[in-house]
Amino acid sequence: MVESSSSSPQDQSLPNAPVGNRGNRIKKVLWRFGIFAVALLSALFAGVPILPFALELPVSVVFPLALIIATLFAAISASWVGTLLAPDHTRTRLLLVVGISIATAAVIALIVALGEVLVNPAMLRSPAIMAIIATLDIFILLAPLLIVLLSASWATWHFRSPRGRMGRETKLTLGLAFAVFCVELFFMFSFYGGLSVAIWVSIASVALGLTLATWRFRRRRDWLGMDAAMTVCLVGLAPLIIAATSYFSDLLGLLP
């Protein structure tokens, strides 16, 4: 299910389409700012389910876990805001945006991990180094998040395609994706079932999303509907990522 790039002049001009007047320029600036703002809010909200795991997992595991999940939901949210509010009525190429954003987050997590390995622990005990780290503490925490948010926003701004009409089925599929997210969030904070129930919901969501996406692609070539179906699939990945991280951390002896 790889979307081919359109070679039509209309599609090629979409990312850098000329703006006709001041009003259109203002709309475009507000559209871009709205994409970044929603991506930021989504990333912060998606990081909430990771907080309880900070009590069990080491920081070296919690940081990349939180970053990947926050990036996933930031990319999804940015993509759909970019589609629904686009001044030129174009569509975000969802999978491309999510892929670029996750790749950026993975590179940042790898750099941080390598930094922890290469830095001499004796340096961290130096009063001067500790003072610098304390001064830059907030920046050190927010810089990776800012980078992935800019990555998701940039990809949403630039990777556009013509958009068809959003039908009733697509709206229902988006509603289903939101419902799956709410159910997962509830059970991850619930004492009744907890993560195990969220995992089963996630498996069902991923299977359903892939099935719907395949059907939309083969039967209708409905790209907007396929994006909605893939959103159902992507939303279901979060608890699976958390469960896999907990399992491998336990397997490697990282859990206390």
Protein backbone atom coordinates (compact mmCIF):
# COMPACT_ATOMS: atom_id res chain seq x y z
CA MET A 1 0.00 0.00 0.00
CA VAL A 2 2.57 2.54 -1.14
CA GLU A 3 1.13 5.67 -2.63
CA SER A 4 2.70 6.66 -5.90
CA SER A 5 3.65 10.28 -6.42
CA SER A 6 1.55 12.10 -8.95
CA SER A 7 3.40 13.50 -11.93
CA SER A 8 0.73 16.00 -12.87
CA PRO A 9 1.71 19.69 -12.84
CA GLN A 10 -1.04 20.36 -10.29
CA ASP A 11 0.35 17.87 -7.78
CA GLN A 12 3.94 19.06 -8.28
CA SER A 13 3.00 22.64 -7.54
CA LEU A 14 1.08 21.90 -4.36
CA PRO A 15 3.89 22.12 -1.80
CA ASN A 16 5.13 25.48 -3.09
CA ALA A 17 1.94 26.82 -4.62
CA PRO A 18 2.08 30.62 -5.07
CA VAL A 19 -0.06 32.63 -2.70
CA GLY A 20 -2.31 35.09 -4.45
CA ASN A 21 -2.85 37.77 -1.82
CA ARG A 22 -2.26 38.78 1.77
CA GLY A 23 -5.37 36.93 2.97
CA ASN A 24 -4.15 33.65 1.54
CA ARG A 25 -0.71 34.18 3.08
CA ILE A 26 -2.26 34.75 6.49
CA LYS A 27 -4.36 31.60 6.11
CA LYS A 28 -1.29 29.60 5.19
CA VAL A 29 0.67 30.92 8.20
CA LEU A 30 -2.23 30.17 10.55
CA TRP A 31 -2.58 26.70 9.00
CA ARG A 32 1.10 25.94 9.60
CA PHE A 33 0.98 27.30 13.14
CA GLY A 34 -2.16 25.26 13.86
CA ILE A 35 -0.44 22.08 12.66
CA PHE A 36 2.52 22.66 14.99
CA ALA A 37 0.28 23.61 17.95
CA VAL A 38 -1.91 20.52 17.60
CA ALA A 39 1.16 18.31 17.20
CA LEU A 40 2.58 19.77 20.43
CA LEU A 41 -0.64 19.22 22.39
CA SER A 42 -0.98 15.68 21.04
CA ALA A 43 2.62 14.83 21.96
CA LEU A 44 2.19 16.11 25.51
CA PHE A 45 -1.12 14.31 25.96
CA ALA A 46 0.21 11.06 24.50
CA GLY A 47 3.10 11.13 26.95
CA VAL A 48 0.74 10.85 29.94
CA PRO A 49 0.30 7.04 29.73
CA ILE A 50 4.07 6.63 29.96
CA LEU A 51 4.34 8.30 33.39
CA PRO A 52 3.45 5.20 35.46
CA PHE A 53 6.15 3.22 33.66
CA ALA A 54 8.76 5.73 34.83
CA LEU A 55 8.43 4.11 38.26
CA GLU A 56 9.43 0.70 36.88
CA LEU A 57 11.69 1.33 33.89
CA PRO A 58 15.05 3.16 33.88
CA VAL A 59 15.25 6.61 32.33
CA SER A 60 17.33 5.22 29.46
CA VAL A 61 14.27 3.13 28.48
CA VAL A 62 11.47 5.54 29.40
CA PHE A 63 12.93 8.42 27.36
CA PRO A 64 12.94 6.72 23.92
CA LEU A 65 9.61 5.02 24.71
CA ALA A 66 7.92 8.32 25.55
CA LEU A 67 9.56 10.06 22.59
CA ILE A 68 8.43 7.44 20.06
CA ILE A 69 4.82 7.36 21.29
CA ALA A 70 4.59 11.15 21.55
CA THR A 71 5.99 11.41 18.02
CA LEU A 72 3.50 8.85 16.68
CA PHE A 73 0.46 10.75 17.92
CA ALA A 74 1.96 14.14 17.03
CA ALA A 75 2.47 12.97 13.44
CA ILE A 76 -1.06 11.54 13.20
CA SER A 77 -2.63 14.71 14.60
CA ALA A 78 -0.52 17.02 12.44
CA SER A 79 -1.40 15.01 9.33
CA TRP A 80 -5.14 15.21 9.89
CA VAL A 81 -5.13 18.88 10.85
CA GLY A 82 -3.12 19.49 7.70
CA THR A 83 -5.77 17.64 5.67
CA LEU A 84 -8.92 19.02 7.28
CA LEU A 85 -7.81 22.66 7.43
CA ALA A 86 -5.66 22.95 4.30
CA PRO A 87 -6.38 26.28 2.56
CA ASP A 88 -5.75 24.68 -0.84
CA HIS A 89 -7.95 21.64 -0.03
CA THR A 90 -5.08 19.18 -0.35
CA ARG A 91 -4.42 16.02 1.62
CA THR A 92 -1.49 15.12 3.84
CA ARG A 93 0.38 11.95 2.88
CA LEU A 94 -0.13 10.37 6.28
CA LEU A 95 2.20 7.37 6.12
CA LEU A 96 5.06 9.45 4.77
CA VAL A 97 4.68 12.02 7.54
CA VAL A 98 4.50 9.33 10.24
CA GLY A 99 7.51 7.52 8.77
CA ILE A 100 9.67 10.66 8.66
CA SER A 101 8.66 11.65 12.18
CA ILE A 102 9.32 8.23 13.71
CA ALA A 103 12.67 8.01 11.90
CA THR A 104 13.64 11.38 13.36
CA ALA A 105 12.64 10.26 16.87
CA ALA A 106 14.60 7.01 16.48
CA VAL A 107 17.74 8.89 15.40
CA ILE A 108 17.44 11.24 18.40
CA ALA A 109 16.94 8.33 20.80
CA LEU A 110 19.99 6.60 19.31
CA ILE A 111 22.13 9.74 19.68
CA VAL A 112 21.06 10.11 23.32
CA ALA A 113 21.83 6.44 23.99
CA LEU A 114 25.27 6.74 22.40
CA GLY A 115 25.91 9.88 24.41
CA GLU A 116 25.19 8.01 27.64
CA VAL A 117 27.62 5.26 26.63
CA LEU A 118 30.44 7.55 25.48
CA VAL A 119 30.29 10.14 28.27
CA ASN A 120 32.74 9.44 31.07
CA PRO A 121 30.81 9.10 34.37
CA ALA A 122 33.63 10.95 36.15
CA MET A 123 32.84 14.04 34.05
CA LEU A 124 29.27 14.07 35.34
CA ARG A 125 30.55 14.31 38.91
CA SER A 126 32.41 17.50 38.11
CA PRO A 127 30.73 20.51 39.83
CA ALA A 128 31.12 22.63 36.70
CA ILE A 129 29.54 20.00 34.43
CA MET A 130 26.70 19.39 36.91
CA ALA A 131 26.02 23.13 37.08
CA ILE A 132 25.82 23.34 33.29
CA ILE A 133 23.47 20.33 33.11
CA ALA A 134 21.25 21.81 35.84
CA THR A 135 21.08 25.11 33.97
CA LEU A 136 20.20 23.45 30.67
CA ASP A 137 17.98 20.76 32.23
CA ILE A 138 14.70 21.97 30.73
CA PHE A 139 16.29 22.57 27.34
CA ILE A 140 17.83 19.09 27.33
CA LEU A 141 14.40 17.57 27.95
CA LEU A 142 12.47 19.75 25.49
CA ALA A 143 14.99 19.89 22.62
CA PRO A 144 14.32 16.32 21.34
CA LEU A 145 10.56 16.90 21.51
CA LEU A 146 10.89 20.19 19.66
CA ILE A 147 12.94 18.54 16.92
CA VAL A 148 10.41 15.76 16.29
CA LEU A 149 7.54 18.27 16.35
CA LEU A 150 9.29 20.39 13.75
CA SER A 151 9.94 17.23 11.72
CA ALA A 152 6.26 16.22 11.80
CA SER A 153 5.12 19.76 11.00
CA TRP A 154 7.61 20.20 8.16
CA ALA A 155 6.61 16.88 6.60
CA THR A 156 2.93 17.82 6.88
CA TRP A 157 3.54 21.20 5.25
CA HIS A 158 5.43 19.78 2.29
CA PHE A 159 4.09 16.33 1.45
CA ARG A 160 0.70 17.07 -0.06
CA SER A 161 -1.54 15.38 -2.61
CA PRO A 162 -4.93 16.19 -4.16
CA ARG A 163 -7.80 15.53 -1.80
CA GLY A 164 -11.09 13.89 -2.65
CA ARG A 165 -14.40 14.27 -0.87
CA MET A 166 -14.51 13.04 2.71
CA GLY A 167 -17.44 10.65 2.76
CA ARG A 168 -19.46 9.28 5.63
CA GLU A 169 -17.40 6.10 5.84
CA THR A 170 -14.17 8.06 6.26
CA LYS A 171 -15.69 10.16 9.05
CA LEU A 172 -16.90 7.03 10.83
CA THR A 173 -13.45 5.47 10.52
CA LEU A 174 -11.85 8.56 12.07
CA GLY A 175 -14.41 8.41 14.87
CA LEU A 176 -13.48 4.77 15.43
CA ALA A 177 -9.80 5.71 15.69
CA PHE A 178 -10.60 8.30 18.36
CA ALA A 179 -12.76 5.80 20.24
CA VAL A 180 -9.96 3.21 20.20
CA PHE A 181 -7.55 5.79 21.62
CA CYS A 182 -9.97 6.66 24.44
CA VAL A 183 -10.55 2.99 25.30
CA GLU A 184 -6.83 2.28 25.35
CA LEU A 185 -6.17 5.28 27.55
CA PHE A 186 -8.93 4.27 29.97
CA PHE A 187 -7.72 0.72 30.43
CA MET A 188 -4.07 1.74 30.74
CA PHE A 189 -5.05 3.78 33.80
CA SER A 190 -7.67 1.33 35.02
CA PHE A 191 -7.24 -1.24 37.76
CA TYR A 192 -9.70 -3.53 35.94
CA GLY A 193 -7.74 -5.29 33.25
CA GLY A 194 -5.10 -2.62 32.83
CA LEU A 195 -2.56 -2.97 30.07
CA SER A 196 -3.65 -6.50 29.11
CA VAL A 197 -7.09 -5.30 27.96
CA ALA A 198 -5.51 -2.36 26.14
CA ILE A 199 -3.24 -4.80 24.31
CA TRP A 200 -6.18 -6.89 23.06
CA VAL A 201 -7.96 -3.73 21.94
CA SER A 202 -4.77 -2.69 20.15
CA ILE A 203 -4.42 -6.02 18.35
CA ALA A 204 -8.02 -5.78 17.15
CA SER A 205 -7.47 -2.15 16.11
CA VAL A 206 -4.34 -2.95 14.09
CA ALA A 207 -6.00 -5.90 12.36
CA LEU A 208 -9.16 -3.91 11.56
CA GLY A 209 -7.19 -0.90 10.35
CA LEU A 210 -5.06 -2.96 7.97
CA THR A 211 -8.14 -4.77 6.65
CA LEU A 212 -10.02 -1.52 6.00
CA ALA A 213 -6.98 0.10 4.41
CA THR A 214 -6.45 -2.84 2.06
CA TRP A 215 -10.12 -2.83 1.07
CA ARG A 216 -10.15 0.91 0.43
CA PHE A 217 -6.98 0.72 -1.65
CA ARG A 218 -7.97 -2.25 -3.81
CA ARG A 219 -11.63 -1.47 -4.35
CA ARG A 220 -11.78 2.29 -4.65
CA ARG A 221 -8.30 3.79 -4.57
CA ASP A 222 -9.78 6.01 -1.86
CA TRP A 223 -6.63 7.61 -0.45
CA LEU A 224 -8.45 9.70 2.15
CA GLY A 225 -10.38 6.66 3.34
CA MET A 226 -7.19 4.61 3.41
CA ASP A 227 -5.52 7.27 5.59
CA ALA A 228 -8.43 7.04 8.02
CA ALA A 229 -8.12 3.25 8.12
CA MET A 230 -4.37 3.45 8.68
CA THR A 231 -5.04 5.88 11.52
CA VAL A 232 -7.05 3.16 13.26
CA CYS A 233 -4.07 0.85 12.83
CA LEU A 234 -1.49 3.39 14.02
CA VAL A 235 -3.50 4.39 17.10
CA GLY A 236 -3.52 0.74 18.13
CA LEU A 237 0.28 0.52 18.13
CA ALA A 238 0.91 2.51 21.32
CA PRO A 239 0.02 -0.17 23.93
CA LEU A 240 1.84 -2.78 21.85
CA ILE A 241 4.99 -0.64 21.87
CA ILE A 242 4.70 -0.18 25.64
CA ALA A 243 4.13 -3.90 26.23
CA ALA A 244 7.04 -4.88 23.99
CA THR A 245 9.32 -2.41 25.76
CA SER A 246 8.35 -3.77 29.18
CA TYR A 247 8.86 -7.36 28.03
CA PHE A 248 12.32 -6.81 26.54
CA SER A 249 13.37 -4.67 29.50
CA ASP A 250 12.44 -7.52 31.80
CA LEU A 251 14.19 -10.00 29.51
CA LEU A 252 17.39 -7.95 29.54
CA GLY A 253 17.25 -7.48 33.30
CA LEU A 254 16.62 -3.73 33.19
CA LEU A 255 13.63 -3.94 35.52
CA PRO A 256 14.28 -3.68 39.26
